[in-house]
Amino acid sequence: MAAKKGLETWQEITLGNMVFRPGSAAEYKTGSWRAKKPIFTKTKCIKCGVCFIYCPEGCIIQDEQGCFEADLDYCKGCGICSAECWPGAIDMVEEG
């Protein structure tokens, strides 16, 4: 099936039209998009890793003590980590 007239297929797009390169996600910090950010309370964290498992962005990291926190350079503030944290160690707060 031929492409519609005037539209390029993905194979025909020139490099000048491409915004992202494969494997370049680390260069594009997306955290500035969020309206809320997760605040982790280490005294409530039981180090279960449920927040890590459910984070759709893969921006939950472990600190030296084994507690979890969000890499705010990439966290978009979706709140899934907070919703899944059954010990209540993550609160979503307004950014800014």
C-alpha atoms as a PDB file:
ATOM      1  CA  MET A   1       0.000   0.000   0.000  1.00  0.00           C
ATOM      2  CA  ALA A   2       1.461   3.346  -1.004  1.00  0.00           C
ATOM      3  CA  ALA A   3       1.787   6.230   1.418  1.00  0.00           C
ATOM      4  CA  LYS A   4      -0.682   9.097   1.071  1.00  0.00           C
ATOM      5  CA  LYS A   5       0.470  11.809  -1.252  1.00  0.00           C
ATOM      6  CA  GLY A   6       2.557  14.440   0.539  1.00  0.00           C
ATOM      7  CA  LEU A   7       3.308  12.347   3.640  1.00  0.00           C
ATOM      8  CA  GLU A   8       6.631  10.635   4.230  1.00  0.00           C
ATOM      9  CA  THR A   9       6.842   7.129   5.578  1.00  0.00           C
ATOM     10  CA  TRP A  10       9.067   6.622   8.610  1.00  0.00           C
ATOM     11  CA  GLN A  11      11.756   5.184   6.340  1.00  0.00           C
ATOM     12  CA  GLU A  12      11.780   8.353   4.227  1.00  0.00           C
ATOM     13  CA  ILE A  13      12.190  10.867   7.059  1.00  0.00           C
ATOM     14  CA  THR A  14      15.525  12.628   6.743  1.00  0.00           C
ATOM     15  CA  LEU A  15      17.859  13.013   9.701  1.00  0.00           C
ATOM     16  CA  GLY A  16      17.187  16.743   9.759  1.00  0.00           C
ATOM     17  CA  ASN A  17      13.542  16.043  10.620  1.00  0.00           C
ATOM     18  CA  MET A  18      14.306  13.699  13.500  1.00  0.00           C
ATOM     19  CA  VAL A  19      14.230  15.251  16.957  1.00  0.00           C
ATOM     20  CA  PHE A  20      15.539  12.293  18.985  1.00  0.00           C
ATOM     21  CA  ARG A  21      18.265   9.788  18.290  1.00  0.00           C
ATOM     22  CA  PRO A  22      17.929   6.176  19.419  1.00  0.00           C
ATOM     23  CA  GLY A  23      19.393   5.710  22.891  1.00  0.00           C
ATOM     24  CA  SER A  24      19.353   9.436  23.692  1.00  0.00           C
ATOM     25  CA  ALA A  25      16.615   9.454  26.358  1.00  0.00           C
ATOM     26  CA  ALA A  26      19.124  10.274  29.125  1.00  0.00           C
ATOM     27  CA  GLU A  27      19.862  13.578  27.384  1.00  0.00           C
ATOM     28  CA  TYR A  28      16.240  14.745  27.544  1.00  0.00           C
ATOM     29  CA  LYS A  29      15.323  15.582  31.111  1.00  0.00           C
ATOM     30  CA  THR A  30      11.526  15.442  31.321  1.00  0.00           C
ATOM     31  CA  GLY A  31      10.984  16.342  34.978  1.00  0.00           C
ATOM     32  CA  SER A  32      10.103  19.954  34.193  1.00  0.00           C
ATOM     33  CA  TRP A  33       6.756  18.753  32.785  1.00  0.00           C
ATOM     34  CA  ARG A  34       5.254  17.796  36.117  1.00  0.00           C
ATOM     35  CA  ALA A  35       2.813  19.725  38.315  1.00  0.00           C
ATOM     36  CA  LYS A  36       3.357  17.504  41.377  1.00  0.00           C
ATOM     37  CA  LYS A  37       6.397  15.672  42.668  1.00  0.00           C
ATOM     38  CA  PRO A  38       6.770  12.668  44.962  1.00  0.00           C
ATOM     39  CA  ILE A  39       8.254  13.197  48.416  1.00  0.00           C
ATOM     40  CA  PHE A  40       9.583   9.997  49.981  1.00  0.00           C
ATOM     41  CA  THR A  41       9.568   9.624  53.796  1.00  0.00           C
ATOM     42  CA  LYS A  42      12.493   7.337  54.591  1.00  0.00           C
ATOM     43  CA  THR A  43      11.210   6.485  58.064  1.00  0.00           C
ATOM     44  CA  LYS A  44       8.063   4.978  56.498  1.00  0.00           C
ATOM     45  CA  CYS A  45       9.843   3.227  53.615  1.00  0.00           C
ATOM     46  CA  ILE A  46      10.082  -0.536  54.165  1.00  0.00           C
ATOM     47  CA  LYS A  47      12.316  -0.964  51.079  1.00  0.00           C
ATOM     48  CA  CYS A  48       9.808  -3.225  49.329  1.00  0.00           C
ATOM     49  CA  GLY A  49      10.416  -1.731  45.866  1.00  0.00           C
ATOM     50  CA  VAL A  50       6.759  -1.598  44.827  1.00  0.00           C
ATOM     51  CA  CYS A  51       7.250   2.040  43.750  1.00  0.00           C
ATOM     52  CA  PHE A  52      10.203   0.952  41.605  1.00  0.00           C
ATOM     53  CA  ILE A  53       8.179  -1.836  39.971  1.00  0.00           C
ATOM     54  CA  TYR A  54       5.156   0.350  39.100  1.00  0.00           C
ATOM     55  CA  CYS A  55       6.975   3.524  37.954  1.00  0.00           C
ATOM     56  CA  PRO A  56       6.201   3.824  34.221  1.00  0.00           C
ATOM     57  CA  GLU A  57       9.209   6.094  33.655  1.00  0.00           C
ATOM     58  CA  GLY A  58      11.778   3.961  35.464  1.00  0.00           C
ATOM     59  CA  CYS A  59      12.942   6.937  37.490  1.00  0.00           C
ATOM     60  CA  ILE A  60      12.771   5.403  40.973  1.00  0.00           C
ATOM     61  CA  ILE A  61      16.240   4.777  42.380  1.00  0.00           C
ATOM     62  CA  GLN A  62      17.626   3.326  45.600  1.00  0.00           C
ATOM     63  CA  ASP A  63      19.840   5.337  47.934  1.00  0.00           C
ATOM     64  CA  GLU A  64      22.771   4.072  50.009  1.00  0.00           C
ATOM     65  CA  GLN A  65      20.456   2.911  52.832  1.00  0.00           C
ATOM     66  CA  GLY A  66      18.245   0.941  50.434  1.00  0.00           C
ATOM     67  CA  CYS A  67      15.346   3.405  50.572  1.00  0.00           C
ATOM     68  CA  PHE A  68      13.763   4.520  47.323  1.00  0.00           C
ATOM     69  CA  GLU A  69      13.495   8.018  45.858  1.00  0.00           C
ATOM     70  CA  ALA A  70      12.578   9.576  42.536  1.00  0.00           C
ATOM     71  CA  ASP A  71      15.095  10.944  40.077  1.00  0.00           C
ATOM     72  CA  LEU A  72      13.370  14.291  39.650  1.00  0.00           C
ATOM     73  CA  ASP A  73      15.194  14.985  36.384  1.00  0.00           C
ATOM     74  CA  TYR A  74      12.918  12.376  34.773  1.00  0.00           C
ATOM     75  CA  CYS A  75       9.877  12.036  37.081  1.00  0.00           C
ATOM     76  CA  LYS A  76       6.736  13.397  35.399  1.00  0.00           C
ATOM     77  CA  GLY A  77       4.686  13.415  38.595  1.00  0.00           C
ATOM     78  CA  CYS A  78       2.084  10.839  37.575  1.00  0.00           C
ATOM     79  CA  GLY A  79       1.591   9.713  41.195  1.00  0.00           C
ATOM     80  CA  ILE A  80       1.529   5.983  40.481  1.00  0.00           C
ATOM     81  CA  CYS A  81       4.369   5.388  42.944  1.00  0.00           C
ATOM     82  CA  SER A  82       2.381   7.133  45.683  1.00  0.00           C
ATOM     83  CA  ALA A  83      -0.821   5.261  44.859  1.00  0.00           C
ATOM     84  CA  GLU A  84       0.960   1.885  44.971  1.00  0.00           C
ATOM     85  CA  CYS A  85       2.987   2.582  48.144  1.00  0.00           C
ATOM     86  CA  TRP A  86       0.914   0.743  50.746  1.00  0.00           C
ATOM     87  CA  PRO A  87       3.065   1.898  53.739  1.00  0.00           C
ATOM     88  CA  GLY A  88       2.258   5.506  52.730  1.00  0.00           C
ATOM     89  CA  ALA A  89       5.890   6.565  52.388  1.00  0.00           C
ATOM     90  CA  ILE A  90       5.289   8.679  49.268  1.00  0.00           C
ATOM     91  CA  ASP A  91       3.283  11.904  49.212  1.00  0.00           C
ATOM     92  CA  MET A  92       2.578  13.897  46.077  1.00  0.00           C
ATOM     93  CA  VAL A  93       3.076  17.635  46.604  1.00  0.00           C
ATOM     94  CA  GLU A  94       2.590  20.621  44.337  1.00  0.00           C
ATOM     95  CA  GLU A  95       5.713  21.506  42.362  1.00  0.00           C
ATOM     96  CA  GLY A  96       7.250  24.882  42.973  1.00  0.00           C
END
